[in-house]
Amino acid sequence: MILRKNICFGWLLLLLLVSGIRVASAQELNKAYKKSFKVRVSNPVNLQREDVMVFLGEAELKRKHPDFNPDAFVVFAGEKEVPSQYNRHDVYNKGVVLVLDKMAPKAVQVLTVRYNENGVSKRAYPKRTQAELSHKMGGAFKDRKYIGGAFANVDSLRVPAEHTDHSFYIRYEGPGWESDKVGYRFYLDWRNATDVFGKKTPDMVLQQVGQDGFDSYHNMQPWGMDVLKVGKTLGVGTLALFDAGKAIRVDKTDSLRSSVKENGAVYSSILTDYYGWEVAGQKLDIHAQLSIHGGSRLTHYQVDVDGGQPQNLSTGLIKDSKAKLFTSKGDEMEWGYIATYGAQSLNNDNLGIAVLFRPNDLIGIDQDELSHVVKLKPVNNKVEYYFLAAWELEPQGIKTEEQFLSYLKKTAQELAKPVQVKF
């Protein structure tokens, strides 16, 4: 009887929230989620932080609060409810993820996590991130082109052997992910390069992209457009290996599988498995996760390698004569980066792109004919980095080189000194 009451109350709260009839008050939520614990979040740097992601790991949650229920919880900062979600499938961030609006320099904030150990009572929040993968169903391949059918979203796709670039099979040619700031996609074929969707709205837009014509996003749409010319370059943040003076993308593989791991209100992620990458005399399996959180332009790229020990894993940026290059090797106070800024968007307006990396991982900054390259050293066959894009037509967007470099430096400092979380 108690369990049934908890379930019914939880569904009633959700119905009220989604229907817009009335949002439950803090007092009502306190009654619905009777158990609680505190979490202390501190900002170690003398910088104002905005849209701060906080992560409460599943293992620590289970150890400290074994009856915590991921299906019935809510987070408060004082009396204010903080949007949050529980990641069940993410490879690296399994547990509670939330985003604080801001943290003052050197500030400490105490959060209250309330939960009901029984029942289901999930909260619904405005969607600030999205991840999706959509391909055609109901048709068939003919001469490596997909004829007929209609697009449908899927959680996972093992790429058919017949698929190649411009097969008209995968909507906008690969998985997409976005925040309320910017969108990205990568080509789920031999190119495996990352592209940028500039957004003129904070709303989620990927569900619209490529629905009104396979590549209509190359022209300005009400939501924005594809703003980066990738071609044979590294685009922004594309994974590669630098060998014999050239950045080699993950092009020759036995098979590919990509999966949407999280598609949440405040955090989304995509995992791609590249089996049998033939490169520099080795055959490697690559497991790569891309993630983004609300309010951020940053994509976090985390990579595991099986089957060999590559001398480097590299990434970088497209070379464009209309953009200026900036580099920093970083130090103990900030991550290193390579970045370009200038009128390099496909709309001929200002676009800044960057890759940020941990200084200790840096082998060197290099280049080939098409791209600026960062060579990174895998540690225990793992590597991670971040990449970003900032388009001047974003709402309240970065419009000058000075603004972009200021934003980039602040971001590099924040990565070096992440917020600290203590139960």
Protein backbone atom coordinates (compact mmCIF):
# COMPACT_ATOMS: atom_id res chain seq x y z
CA MET A 1 0.00 0.00 0.00
CA ILE A 2 2.80 2.46 0.88
CA LEU A 3 4.64 1.69 -2.35
CA ARG A 4 1.48 2.20 -4.41
CA LYS A 5 0.86 5.57 -2.75
CA ASN A 6 4.42 6.70 -3.47
CA ILE A 7 4.14 5.69 -7.11
CA CYS A 8 0.79 7.43 -7.53
CA PHE A 9 2.03 10.61 -5.86
CA GLY A 10 5.12 10.61 -8.04
CA TRP A 11 3.10 10.27 -11.22
CA LEU A 12 0.76 13.03 -10.04
CA LEU A 13 3.71 15.40 -9.54
CA LEU A 14 5.02 14.59 -13.00
CA LEU A 15 1.60 15.07 -14.59
CA LEU A 16 1.17 18.44 -12.94
CA LEU A 17 4.62 19.59 -14.06
CA VAL A 18 4.34 18.44 -17.68
CA SER A 19 0.76 19.67 -18.10
CA GLY A 20 1.68 23.11 -16.80
CA ILE A 21 -1.24 23.11 -14.33
CA ARG A 22 0.92 23.97 -11.31
CA VAL A 23 4.54 23.35 -10.38
CA ALA A 24 4.98 21.69 -7.01
CA SER A 25 6.34 23.93 -4.25
CA ALA A 26 9.52 23.24 -2.28
CA GLN A 27 7.37 22.27 0.71
CA GLU A 28 5.45 19.73 -1.36
CA LEU A 29 8.64 18.29 -2.76
CA ASN A 30 10.11 18.00 0.73
CA LYS A 31 7.10 15.91 1.71
CA ALA A 32 7.35 13.75 -1.40
CA TYR A 33 11.11 13.21 -1.05
CA LYS A 34 11.52 12.72 2.68
CA LYS A 35 15.09 11.47 2.88
CA SER A 36 18.02 13.79 2.17
CA PHE A 37 21.74 14.35 2.29
CA LYS A 38 24.05 17.32 1.73
CA VAL A 39 26.71 17.84 -0.92
CA ARG A 40 29.37 20.53 -0.67
CA VAL A 41 30.50 22.09 -3.97
CA SER A 42 33.44 24.51 -3.99
CA ASN A 43 34.94 26.71 -6.68
CA PRO A 44 38.74 26.65 -6.18
CA VAL A 45 39.53 29.57 -8.49
CA ASN A 46 39.06 33.32 -8.22
CA LEU A 47 36.75 33.33 -11.23
CA GLN A 48 33.01 33.64 -11.64
CA ARG A 49 31.76 30.40 -13.21
CA GLU A 50 28.57 30.01 -15.22
CA ASP A 51 26.60 26.87 -16.06
CA VAL A 52 28.69 24.69 -13.77
CA MET A 53 28.35 20.93 -14.19
CA VAL A 54 28.40 18.96 -10.93
CA PHE A 55 28.71 15.17 -10.94
CA LEU A 56 27.82 12.76 -8.13
CA GLY A 57 29.23 9.37 -9.07
CA GLU A 58 27.09 6.26 -8.82
CA ALA A 59 29.69 4.27 -6.84
CA GLU A 60 30.02 6.99 -4.19
CA LEU A 61 26.24 7.43 -4.01
CA LYS A 62 25.75 3.72 -3.40
CA ARG A 63 28.50 3.64 -0.79
CA LYS A 64 27.32 6.68 1.15
CA HIS A 65 23.57 6.30 0.64
CA PRO A 66 22.75 2.71 -0.33
CA ASP A 67 18.98 3.36 -0.36
CA PHE A 68 19.26 6.34 -2.77
CA ASN A 69 16.66 5.96 -5.51
CA PRO A 70 17.70 7.29 -8.95
CA ASP A 71 14.04 7.18 -10.01
CA ALA A 72 12.82 9.57 -7.30
CA PHE A 73 15.11 12.44 -6.33
CA VAL A 74 15.39 16.19 -6.53
CA VAL A 75 18.27 18.63 -5.89
CA PHE A 76 18.04 22.00 -4.14
CA ALA A 77 20.42 24.92 -3.75
CA GLY A 78 18.83 26.59 -0.76
CA GLU A 79 15.13 26.82 -1.66
CA LYS A 80 15.79 26.72 -5.41
CA GLU A 81 15.35 23.47 -7.33
CA VAL A 82 18.35 22.66 -9.54
CA PRO A 83 17.73 20.79 -12.83
CA SER A 84 19.36 17.38 -12.68
CA GLN A 85 19.27 13.90 -14.21
CA TYR A 86 20.52 10.40 -13.48
CA ASN A 87 22.85 8.88 -16.06
CA ARG A 88 22.40 5.12 -16.29
CA HIS A 89 24.27 4.35 -19.51
CA ASP A 90 27.07 6.91 -19.79
CA VAL A 91 30.52 5.33 -19.83
CA TYR A 92 32.34 7.94 -17.71
CA ASN A 93 29.65 9.92 -15.85
CA LYS A 94 27.27 7.34 -14.42
CA GLY A 95 25.32 8.93 -11.60
CA VAL A 96 23.67 12.29 -10.88
CA VAL A 97 24.51 15.23 -13.13
CA LEU A 98 23.28 18.73 -12.43
CA VAL A 99 24.10 22.22 -13.70
CA LEU A 100 24.35 25.24 -11.38
CA ASP A 101 23.55 28.61 -12.96
CA LYS A 102 26.71 30.18 -11.54
CA MET A 103 29.30 30.08 -8.79
CA ALA A 104 31.02 33.16 -7.43
CA PRO A 105 34.84 33.28 -7.14
CA LYS A 106 36.09 30.93 -4.40
CA ALA A 107 32.48 30.23 -3.45
CA VAL A 108 31.18 27.21 -1.57
CA GLN A 109 27.64 26.02 -2.19
CA VAL A 110 25.84 23.36 -0.17
CA LEU A 111 23.28 21.35 -2.12
CA THR A 112 20.52 19.23 -0.66
CA VAL A 113 19.65 16.01 -2.46
CA ARG A 114 16.20 14.76 -1.45
CA TYR A 115 14.90 11.36 -2.43
CA ASN A 116 12.19 8.80 -1.89
CA GLU A 117 13.63 5.32 -1.52
CA ASN A 118 10.48 3.78 -3.02
CA GLY A 119 8.53 4.38 -6.19
CA VAL A 120 9.02 6.43 -9.34
CA SER A 121 8.70 10.20 -9.32
CA LYS A 122 10.97 11.68 -11.97
CA ARG A 123 11.15 15.45 -12.40
CA ALA A 124 10.92 17.10 -15.82
CA TYR A 125 13.11 20.07 -16.73
CA PRO A 126 13.54 22.30 -19.79
CA LYS A 127 15.74 20.51 -22.28
CA ARG A 128 19.16 22.16 -22.60
CA THR A 129 20.98 19.29 -24.33
CA GLN A 130 20.18 16.69 -26.93
CA ALA A 131 21.83 13.72 -28.63
CA GLU A 132 20.31 11.87 -31.54
CA LEU A 133 21.00 9.38 -34.30
CA SER A 134 18.52 9.04 -37.15
CA HIS A 135 18.57 6.85 -40.23
CA LYS A 136 16.12 5.77 -42.91
CA MET A 137 13.98 2.69 -42.57
CA GLY A 138 11.66 1.01 -45.04
CA GLY A 139 13.88 1.41 -48.10
CA ALA A 140 16.93 -0.39 -49.46
CA PHE A 141 20.49 0.23 -50.62
CA LYS A 142 21.16 0.31 -54.33
CA ASP A 143 24.69 1.06 -55.58
CA ARG A 144 25.53 2.33 -52.06
CA LYS A 145 22.65 4.83 -52.11
CA TYR A 146 19.62 4.33 -49.87
CA ILE A 147 16.41 4.49 -51.91
CA GLY A 148 13.03 5.13 -50.30
CA GLY A 149 12.18 4.90 -46.65
CA ALA A 150 11.78 7.55 -43.97
CA PHE A 151 14.01 8.80 -41.15
CA ALA A 152 13.52 7.42 -37.65
CA ASN A 153 15.54 8.02 -34.49
CA VAL A 154 17.36 5.05 -32.98
CA ASP A 155 19.40 4.50 -29.83
CA SER A 156 22.15 2.57 -31.61
CA LEU A 157 23.35 1.76 -35.11
CA ARG A 158 25.88 -0.69 -36.46
CA VAL A 159 26.77 0.96 -39.76
CA PRO A 160 25.85 -1.22 -42.75
CA ALA A 161 28.73 -2.25 -45.03
CA GLU A 162 26.94 -0.59 -47.95
CA HIS A 163 26.97 2.82 -46.28
CA THR A 164 29.46 5.50 -47.34
CA ASP A 165 29.48 9.28 -47.63
CA HIS A 166 26.38 10.73 -49.28
CA SER A 167 24.46 7.46 -49.14
CA PHE A 168 21.36 9.45 -48.02
CA TYR A 169 20.89 6.88 -45.25
CA ILE A 170 21.78 8.74 -42.04
CA ARG A 171 20.18 12.13 -41.41
CA TYR A 172 22.87 14.85 -41.54
CA GLU A 173 25.29 11.94 -42.15
CA GLY A 174 25.96 10.96 -38.54
CA PRO A 175 25.12 11.39 -34.86
CA GLY A 176 24.41 14.88 -33.55
CA TRP A 177 24.65 16.47 -30.12
CA GLU A 178 23.90 19.98 -28.91
CA SER A 179 23.52 22.31 -25.98
CA ASP A 180 21.56 25.53 -25.81
CA LYS A 181 24.71 27.22 -27.19
CA VAL A 182 25.88 25.15 -30.17
CA GLY A 183 25.39 21.90 -32.07
CA TYR A 184 27.82 19.35 -33.52
CA ARG A 185 27.76 16.28 -35.73
CA PHE A 186 30.31 13.85 -37.05
CA TYR A 187 30.30 11.83 -40.23
CA LEU A 188 29.59 8.19 -39.41
CA ASP A 189 31.55 6.85 -42.38
CA TRP A 190 35.16 6.73 -43.60
CA ARG A 191 35.54 10.48 -43.03
CA ASN A 192 34.85 10.43 -39.26
CA ALA A 193 35.28 14.19 -38.99
CA THR A 194 33.46 16.64 -36.71
CA ASP A 195 31.39 19.57 -37.97
CA VAL A 196 29.58 22.49 -36.30
CA PHE A 197 25.97 23.63 -36.36
CA GLY A 198 25.83 27.31 -35.42
CA LYS A 199 22.60 28.12 -33.57
CA LYS A 200 20.57 31.34 -33.52
CA THR A 201 18.33 30.02 -30.75
CA PRO A 202 18.81 28.32 -27.37
CA ASP A 203 16.09 25.81 -28.31
CA MET A 204 16.91 22.24 -29.29
CA VAL A 205 17.10 22.09 -33.09
CA LEU A 206 18.67 18.81 -34.20
CA GLN A 207 15.28 17.18 -34.64
CA GLN A 208 14.63 19.66 -37.48
CA VAL A 209 17.99 19.37 -39.24
CA GLY A 210 17.96 17.60 -42.59
CA GLN A 211 14.22 16.97 -42.56
CA ASP A 212 13.41 19.47 -45.32
CA GLY A 213 16.13 18.37 -47.74
CA PHE A 214 19.14 16.15 -47.11
CA ASP A 215 21.67 18.98 -46.84
CA SER A 216 19.45 22.04 -46.47
CA TYR A 217 21.46 22.96 -43.37
CA HIS A 218 24.24 24.26 -45.63
CA ASN A 219 22.00 27.30 -46.16
CA MET A 220 20.76 29.63 -43.42
CA GLN A 221 17.70 28.30 -41.61
CA PRO A 222 15.60 29.98 -38.90
CA TRP A 223 17.54 27.97 -36.28
CA GLY A 224 21.03 28.54 -37.83
CA MET A 225 23.20 26.48 -40.20
CA ASP A 226 26.24 24.30 -40.73
CA VAL A 227 29.03 26.86 -40.25
CA LEU A 228 32.25 24.88 -40.80
CA LYS A 229 33.78 23.57 -44.01
CA VAL A 230 35.42 20.28 -43.05
CA GLY A 231 36.38 18.47 -46.27
CA LYS A 232 39.49 16.34 -45.70
CA THR A 233 40.62 18.35 -42.65
CA LEU A 234 40.28 17.69 -38.92
CA GLY A 235 37.32 20.09 -38.76
CA VAL A 236 37.16 20.74 -35.03
CA GLY A 237 38.37 18.12 -32.56
CA THR A 238 38.37 15.15 -34.94
CA LEU A 239 40.28 12.12 -33.65
CA ALA A 240 43.35 11.15 -35.65
CA LEU A 241 46.86 9.71 -35.46
CA PHE A 242 49.80 11.76 -36.70
CA ASP A 243 52.17 9.67 -38.82
CA ALA A 244 54.70 10.54 -41.53
CA GLY A 245 53.79 14.22 -41.40
CA LYS A 246 50.04 13.70 -41.79
CA ALA A 247 47.02 13.55 -39.50
CA ILE A 248 45.19 10.31 -40.37
CA ARG A 249 41.54 10.27 -39.42
CA VAL A 250 39.79 7.06 -38.33
CA ASP A 251 39.15 6.09 -41.92
CA LYS A 252 39.91 2.40 -42.56
CA THR A 253 37.96 0.23 -40.12
CA ASP A 254 36.34 -3.19 -40.08
CA SER A 255 33.10 -1.88 -38.62
CA LEU A 256 31.48 1.02 -36.75
CA ARG A 257 28.83 1.14 -34.05
CA SER A 258 27.45 4.34 -32.55
CA SER A 259 25.04 4.64 -29.62
CA VAL A 260 23.22 7.46 -27.88
CA LYS A 261 24.12 6.80 -24.23
CA GLU A 262 22.34 9.78 -22.65
CA ASN A 263 19.82 12.23 -24.08
CA GLY A 264 18.97 14.30 -21.05
CA ALA A 265 17.78 17.72 -20.02
CA VAL A 266 21.19 18.85 -18.77
CA TYR A 267 23.66 16.30 -20.19
CA SER A 268 23.90 14.16 -23.33
CA SER A 269 26.50 11.73 -24.68
CA ILE A 270 27.28 9.47 -27.63
CA LEU A 271 29.60 6.44 -27.67
CA THR A 272 31.18 5.21 -30.91
CA ASP A 273 33.12 1.97 -31.27
CA TYR A 274 35.58 1.79 -34.16
CA TYR A 275 36.69 -1.80 -34.68
CA GLY A 276 39.87 -2.63 -36.59
CA TRP A 277 41.24 0.84 -37.37
CA GLU A 278 44.22 0.25 -39.67
CA VAL A 279 46.79 2.96 -39.05
CA ALA A 280 50.59 3.25 -38.86
CA GLY A 281 51.12 -0.51 -39.08
CA GLN A 282 48.67 -1.30 -36.26
CA LYS A 283 45.07 -2.44 -35.99
CA LEU A 284 43.28 -0.71 -33.13
CA ASP A 285 39.84 -0.75 -31.56
CA ILE A 286 38.77 2.73 -30.47
CA HIS A 287 35.98 3.44 -27.98
CA ALA A 288 35.19 7.17 -28.02
CA GLN A 289 32.58 9.08 -26.05
CA LEU A 290 31.44 12.63 -26.81
CA SER A 291 29.46 14.54 -24.19
CA ILE A 292 28.05 18.02 -23.61
CA HIS A 293 26.18 19.76 -20.77
CA GLY A 294 23.68 22.58 -20.63
CA GLY A 295 25.00 26.11 -21.05
CA SER A 296 28.34 24.95 -22.45
CA ARG A 297 29.97 25.09 -25.86
CA LEU A 298 32.44 22.39 -24.82
CA THR A 299 32.37 18.83 -26.11
CA HIS A 300 34.28 16.44 -23.85
CA TYR A 301 36.00 13.70 -25.87
CA GLN A 302 37.17 10.61 -23.97
CA VAL A 303 38.92 7.76 -25.76
CA ASP A 304 39.98 4.21 -24.87
CA VAL A 305 42.24 2.16 -27.16
CA ASP A 306 42.43 -1.65 -27.39
CA GLY A 307 44.72 -3.87 -29.44
CA GLY A 308 47.88 -1.76 -29.56
CA GLN A 309 49.86 1.15 -28.22
CA PRO A 310 49.74 4.07 -30.66
CA GLN A 311 52.64 6.51 -30.50
CA ASN A 312 50.12 9.35 -30.32
CA LEU A 313 46.46 10.16 -30.58
CA SER A 314 45.97 13.49 -32.24
CA THR A 315 43.33 16.04 -33.01
CA GLY A 316 43.17 19.55 -34.36
CA LEU A 317 41.47 22.23 -36.42
CA ILE A 318 40.93 23.05 -40.05
CA LYS A 319 43.39 25.53 -41.55
CA ASP A 320 41.66 28.59 -42.97
CA SER A 321 43.43 31.62 -44.42
CA LYS A 322 40.66 33.85 -43.03
CA ALA A 323 41.36 32.82 -39.42
CA LYS A 324 44.25 33.58 -37.07
CA LEU A 325 45.93 30.78 -35.10
CA PHE A 326 46.50 30.96 -31.33
CA THR A 327 48.35 28.35 -29.27
CA SER A 328 49.24 27.73 -25.65
CA LYS A 329 51.00 24.72 -24.12
CA GLY A 330 49.35 25.44 -20.77
CA ASP A 331 50.73 25.06 -17.26
CA GLU A 332 49.55 24.09 -13.79
CA MET A 333 47.06 26.97 -13.83
CA GLU A 334 45.40 26.35 -17.19
CA TRP A 335 44.99 23.73 -19.89
CA GLY A 336 46.75 24.15 -23.20
CA TYR A 337 44.93 24.89 -26.41
CA ILE A 338 45.08 25.55 -30.11
CA ALA A 339 42.44 27.89 -31.49
CA THR A 340 41.57 29.89 -34.56
CA TYR A 341 39.34 32.93 -34.92
CA GLY A 342 38.15 34.94 -37.87
CA ALA A 343 35.60 35.14 -40.70
CA GLN A 344 35.93 31.41 -41.36
CA SER A 345 32.27 30.38 -41.11
CA LEU A 346 30.38 29.22 -44.19
CA ASN A 347 28.27 32.34 -43.68
CA ASN A 348 31.43 34.46 -43.94
CA ASP A 349 31.10 35.75 -40.39
CA ASN A 350 33.22 35.28 -37.29
CA LEU A 351 33.73 31.81 -35.90
CA GLY A 352 36.11 30.69 -33.19
CA ILE A 353 37.08 27.03 -32.82
CA ALA A 354 39.45 25.43 -30.33
CA VAL A 355 40.83 22.20 -28.87
CA LEU A 356 41.88 22.18 -25.20
CA PHE A 357 44.18 19.56 -23.67
CA ARG A 358 45.93 18.68 -20.42
CA PRO A 359 49.51 20.05 -20.59
CA ASN A 360 51.07 16.79 -19.35
CA ASP A 361 49.50 14.93 -22.27
CA LEU A 362 51.05 17.15 -24.93
CA ILE A 363 53.64 15.62 -27.26
CA GLY A 364 53.70 18.63 -29.55
CA ILE A 365 51.79 21.08 -31.72
CA ASP A 366 52.25 20.37 -35.42
CA GLN A 367 50.52 20.76 -38.76
CA ASP A 368 49.98 19.11 -42.08
CA GLU A 369 48.78 20.51 -45.36
CA LEU A 370 45.16 20.83 -44.24
CA SER A 371 45.05 21.06 -40.45
CA HIS A 372 46.61 22.46 -37.31
CA VAL A 373 47.43 19.41 -35.19
CA VAL A 374 47.82 18.62 -31.49
CA LYS A 375 49.69 15.37 -30.74
CA LEU A 376 48.70 13.84 -27.41
CA LYS A 377 50.26 11.00 -25.43
CA PRO A 378 47.88 8.18 -24.48
CA VAL A 379 48.20 7.29 -20.78
CA ASN A 380 47.17 3.68 -20.08
CA ASN A 381 45.82 3.72 -23.63
CA LYS A 382 43.43 6.55 -22.80
CA VAL A 383 43.28 10.15 -23.89
CA GLU A 384 40.83 12.99 -23.35
CA TYR A 385 40.40 16.52 -24.58
CA TYR A 386 37.73 19.15 -25.16
CA PHE A 387 36.75 21.08 -28.25
CA LEU A 388 34.42 24.00 -28.86
CA ALA A 389 32.97 26.40 -31.39
CA ALA A 390 31.68 29.95 -30.86
CA TRP A 391 29.70 31.62 -33.68
CA GLU A 392 28.99 35.33 -33.63
CA LEU A 393 25.29 34.89 -34.50
CA GLU A 394 24.56 32.92 -31.32
CA PRO A 395 22.17 34.77 -28.98
CA GLN A 396 24.52 36.99 -26.93
CA GLY A 397 27.32 35.41 -28.95
CA ILE A 398 31.05 36.09 -28.94
CA LYS A 399 31.58 38.68 -31.67
CA THR A 400 35.24 39.74 -31.50
CA GLU A 401 38.67 38.17 -31.30
CA GLU A 402 39.25 39.81 -27.93
CA GLN A 403 36.05 38.32 -26.49
CA PHE A 404 36.92 34.89 -27.87
CA LEU A 405 40.43 34.86 -26.40
CA SER A 406 39.09 36.02 -23.03
CA TYR A 407 36.51 33.22 -23.07
CA LEU A 408 39.13 30.70 -24.14
CA LYS A 409 41.55 31.65 -21.35
CA LYS A 410 38.82 31.50 -18.72
CA THR A 411 37.74 28.08 -20.01
CA ALA A 412 41.33 26.80 -19.90
CA GLN A 413 41.62 27.95 -16.28
CA GLU A 414 38.33 26.32 -15.29
CA LEU A 415 39.39 22.99 -16.81
CA ALA A 416 42.63 23.07 -14.81
CA LYS A 417 40.75 23.72 -11.56
CA PRO A 418 37.36 21.95 -11.72
CA VAL A 419 34.79 22.37 -8.99
CA GLN A 420 35.31 20.10 -6.00
CA VAL A 421 32.49 17.92 -4.71
CA LYS A 422 32.29 16.42 -1.23
CA PHE A 423 29.46 14.37 0.28
